[in-house]
Amino acid sequence: MKRTIVIAAVATLGLAACGSDGGGGSGLSDDQAAAAASAIEEAAAGGVELDEDCVNEVAEQLADEDAAKAAAAEPGEEAELSAAGEALALELLN
């Protein structure tokens, strides 16, 4: 459920601010980059194209532990995020 919240948050952000216009590259950790890539892939599977730079900005705010958990979770699987990770996801939904 929490992974779904993160994906929903990124998708919501995508609809509000991350519509595709290309992009890439950042100073993301490996875990953050994996979480961002996972979010982009899941959004694309749902028919939403996200701007990579925008998604990376969001992923860059995730602690590596949260990013690793989000990236490792299977679709529909609940990732146990920290309070900060959950707050970030909820903040994006507002």
C-alpha atoms as a PDB file:
ATOM      1  CA  MET A   1       0.000   0.000   0.000  1.00  0.00           C
ATOM      2  CA  LYS A   2       2.754   2.443   0.905  1.00  0.00           C
ATOM      3  CA  ARG A   3       4.553   1.718  -2.366  1.00  0.00           C
ATOM      4  CA  THR A   4       1.275   2.349  -4.098  1.00  0.00           C
ATOM      5  CA  ILE A   5       1.058   5.685  -2.270  1.00  0.00           C
ATOM      6  CA  VAL A   6       4.544   6.607  -3.472  1.00  0.00           C
ATOM      7  CA  ILE A   7       3.683   5.620  -7.039  1.00  0.00           C
ATOM      8  CA  ALA A   8       0.371   7.474  -6.804  1.00  0.00           C
ATOM      9  CA  ALA A   9       2.194  10.497  -5.438  1.00  0.00           C
ATOM     10  CA  VAL A  10       4.662  10.465  -8.285  1.00  0.00           C
ATOM     11  CA  ALA A  11       1.857   9.965 -10.791  1.00  0.00           C
ATOM     12  CA  THR A  12      -0.094  12.824  -9.215  1.00  0.00           C
ATOM     13  CA  LEU A  13       2.984  14.988  -9.367  1.00  0.00           C
ATOM     14  CA  GLY A  14       3.389  13.869 -12.957  1.00  0.00           C
ATOM     15  CA  LEU A  15      -0.067  15.074 -13.832  1.00  0.00           C
ATOM     16  CA  ALA A  16       0.487  18.345 -11.982  1.00  0.00           C
ATOM     17  CA  ALA A  17       4.132  19.102 -12.731  1.00  0.00           C
ATOM     18  CA  CYS A  18       6.010  16.200 -14.319  1.00  0.00           C
ATOM     19  CA  GLY A  19       4.377  15.883 -17.705  1.00  0.00           C
ATOM     20  CA  SER A  20       6.918  14.523 -20.146  1.00  0.00           C
ATOM     21  CA  ASP A  21       9.312  16.884 -21.856  1.00  0.00           C
ATOM     22  CA  GLY A  22      12.335  14.573 -21.869  1.00  0.00           C
ATOM     23  CA  GLY A  23      15.308  14.999 -19.597  1.00  0.00           C
ATOM     24  CA  GLY A  24      17.599  12.963 -17.482  1.00  0.00           C
ATOM     25  CA  GLY A  25      20.763  12.961 -15.438  1.00  0.00           C
ATOM     26  CA  SER A  26      21.159  13.961 -11.827  1.00  0.00           C
ATOM     27  CA  GLY A  27      23.166  13.383  -8.680  1.00  0.00           C
ATOM     28  CA  LEU A  28      20.934  10.567  -7.472  1.00  0.00           C
ATOM     29  CA  SER A  29      22.245   7.676  -5.433  1.00  0.00           C
ATOM     30  CA  ASP A  30      21.844   4.228  -6.979  1.00  0.00           C
ATOM     31  CA  ASP A  31      18.815   3.541  -4.768  1.00  0.00           C
ATOM     32  CA  GLN A  32      17.172   6.863  -5.592  1.00  0.00           C
ATOM     33  CA  ALA A  33      17.789   6.325  -9.314  1.00  0.00           C
ATOM     34  CA  ALA A  34      16.267   2.839  -9.081  1.00  0.00           C
ATOM     35  CA  ALA A  35      13.195   4.194  -7.267  1.00  0.00           C
ATOM     36  CA  ALA A  36      12.786   6.935  -9.876  1.00  0.00           C
ATOM     37  CA  ALA A  37      13.146   4.458 -12.736  1.00  0.00           C
ATOM     38  CA  SER A  38      10.610   2.157 -11.110  1.00  0.00           C
ATOM     39  CA  ALA A  39       8.138   5.017 -10.713  1.00  0.00           C
ATOM     40  CA  ILE A  40       8.590   6.064 -14.344  1.00  0.00           C
ATOM     41  CA  GLU A  41       8.114   2.483 -15.558  1.00  0.00           C
ATOM     42  CA  GLU A  42       4.987   1.937 -13.443  1.00  0.00           C
ATOM     43  CA  ALA A  43       3.509   5.253 -14.533  1.00  0.00           C
ATOM     44  CA  ALA A  44       4.176   4.362 -18.176  1.00  0.00           C
ATOM     45  CA  ALA A  45       2.468   1.007 -17.665  1.00  0.00           C
ATOM     46  CA  GLY A  46      -0.538   2.994 -16.435  1.00  0.00           C
ATOM     47  CA  GLY A  47      -0.464   5.259 -19.486  1.00  0.00           C
ATOM     48  CA  VAL A  48       1.172   8.263 -17.789  1.00  0.00           C
ATOM     49  CA  GLU A  49       4.430   9.645 -19.192  1.00  0.00           C
ATOM     50  CA  LEU A  50       6.479  11.468 -16.570  1.00  0.00           C
ATOM     51  CA  ASP A  51       9.316  13.938 -16.988  1.00  0.00           C
ATOM     52  CA  GLU A  52      12.491  12.216 -15.809  1.00  0.00           C
ATOM     53  CA  ASP A  53      14.037  15.393 -14.371  1.00  0.00           C
ATOM     54  CA  CYS A  54      10.944  16.090 -12.307  1.00  0.00           C
ATOM     55  CA  VAL A  55      10.740  12.533 -10.997  1.00  0.00           C
ATOM     56  CA  ASN A  56      14.445  12.658 -10.141  1.00  0.00           C
ATOM     57  CA  GLU A  57      13.866  15.820  -8.090  1.00  0.00           C
ATOM     58  CA  VAL A  58      11.277  13.946  -6.059  1.00  0.00           C
ATOM     59  CA  ALA A  59      13.448  10.823  -5.733  1.00  0.00           C
ATOM     60  CA  GLU A  60      16.374  12.940  -4.599  1.00  0.00           C
ATOM     61  CA  GLN A  61      14.363  13.842  -1.494  1.00  0.00           C
ATOM     62  CA  LEU A  62      13.954  10.197  -0.483  1.00  0.00           C
ATOM     63  CA  ALA A  63      16.354   8.740   2.056  1.00  0.00           C
ATOM     64  CA  ASP A  64      18.392   5.943   0.489  1.00  0.00           C
ATOM     65  CA  GLU A  65      16.690   3.393   2.753  1.00  0.00           C
ATOM     66  CA  ASP A  66      13.231   4.485   1.604  1.00  0.00           C
ATOM     67  CA  ALA A  67      14.373   4.628  -2.017  1.00  0.00           C
ATOM     68  CA  ALA A  68      15.783   1.101  -1.775  1.00  0.00           C
ATOM     69  CA  LYS A  69      12.551  -0.213  -0.265  1.00  0.00           C
ATOM     70  CA  ALA A  70      10.401   1.527  -2.891  1.00  0.00           C
ATOM     71  CA  ALA A  71      12.583   0.246  -5.732  1.00  0.00           C
ATOM     72  CA  ALA A  72      12.668  -3.326  -4.387  1.00  0.00           C
ATOM     73  CA  ALA A  73       8.931  -3.641  -3.795  1.00  0.00           C
ATOM     74  CA  GLU A  74       6.961  -5.522  -6.410  1.00  0.00           C
ATOM     75  CA  PRO A  75       3.937  -3.792  -7.972  1.00  0.00           C
ATOM     76  CA  GLY A  76       1.117  -3.882  -5.432  1.00  0.00           C
ATOM     77  CA  GLU A  77       3.512  -4.836  -2.634  1.00  0.00           C
ATOM     78  CA  GLU A  78       3.645  -2.651   0.460  1.00  0.00           C
ATOM     79  CA  ALA A  79       7.028  -1.009   1.087  1.00  0.00           C
ATOM     80  CA  GLU A  80       7.616  -0.059   4.718  1.00  0.00           C
ATOM     81  CA  LEU A  81       8.760   3.548   4.382  1.00  0.00           C
ATOM     82  CA  SER A  82       9.971   5.823   7.142  1.00  0.00           C
ATOM     83  CA  ALA A  83       7.730   8.579   8.451  1.00  0.00           C
ATOM     84  CA  ALA A  84       9.673  11.028   6.297  1.00  0.00           C
ATOM     85  CA  GLY A  85       9.151   8.878   3.190  1.00  0.00           C
ATOM     86  CA  GLU A  86       5.442   8.608   3.894  1.00  0.00           C
ATOM     87  CA  ALA A  87       5.213  12.345   4.542  1.00  0.00           C
ATOM     88  CA  LEU A  88       6.909  13.056   1.229  1.00  0.00           C
ATOM     89  CA  ALA A  89       4.445  10.808  -0.567  1.00  0.00           C
ATOM     90  CA  LEU A  90       1.487  12.433   1.154  1.00  0.00           C
ATOM     91  CA  GLU A  91       2.879  15.921   0.550  1.00  0.00           C
ATOM     92  CA  LEU A  92       2.966  15.201  -3.168  1.00  0.00           C
ATOM     93  CA  LEU A  93      -0.691  14.244  -3.115  1.00  0.00           C
ATOM     94  CA  ASN A  94      -1.716  17.665  -1.842  1.00  0.00           C
END
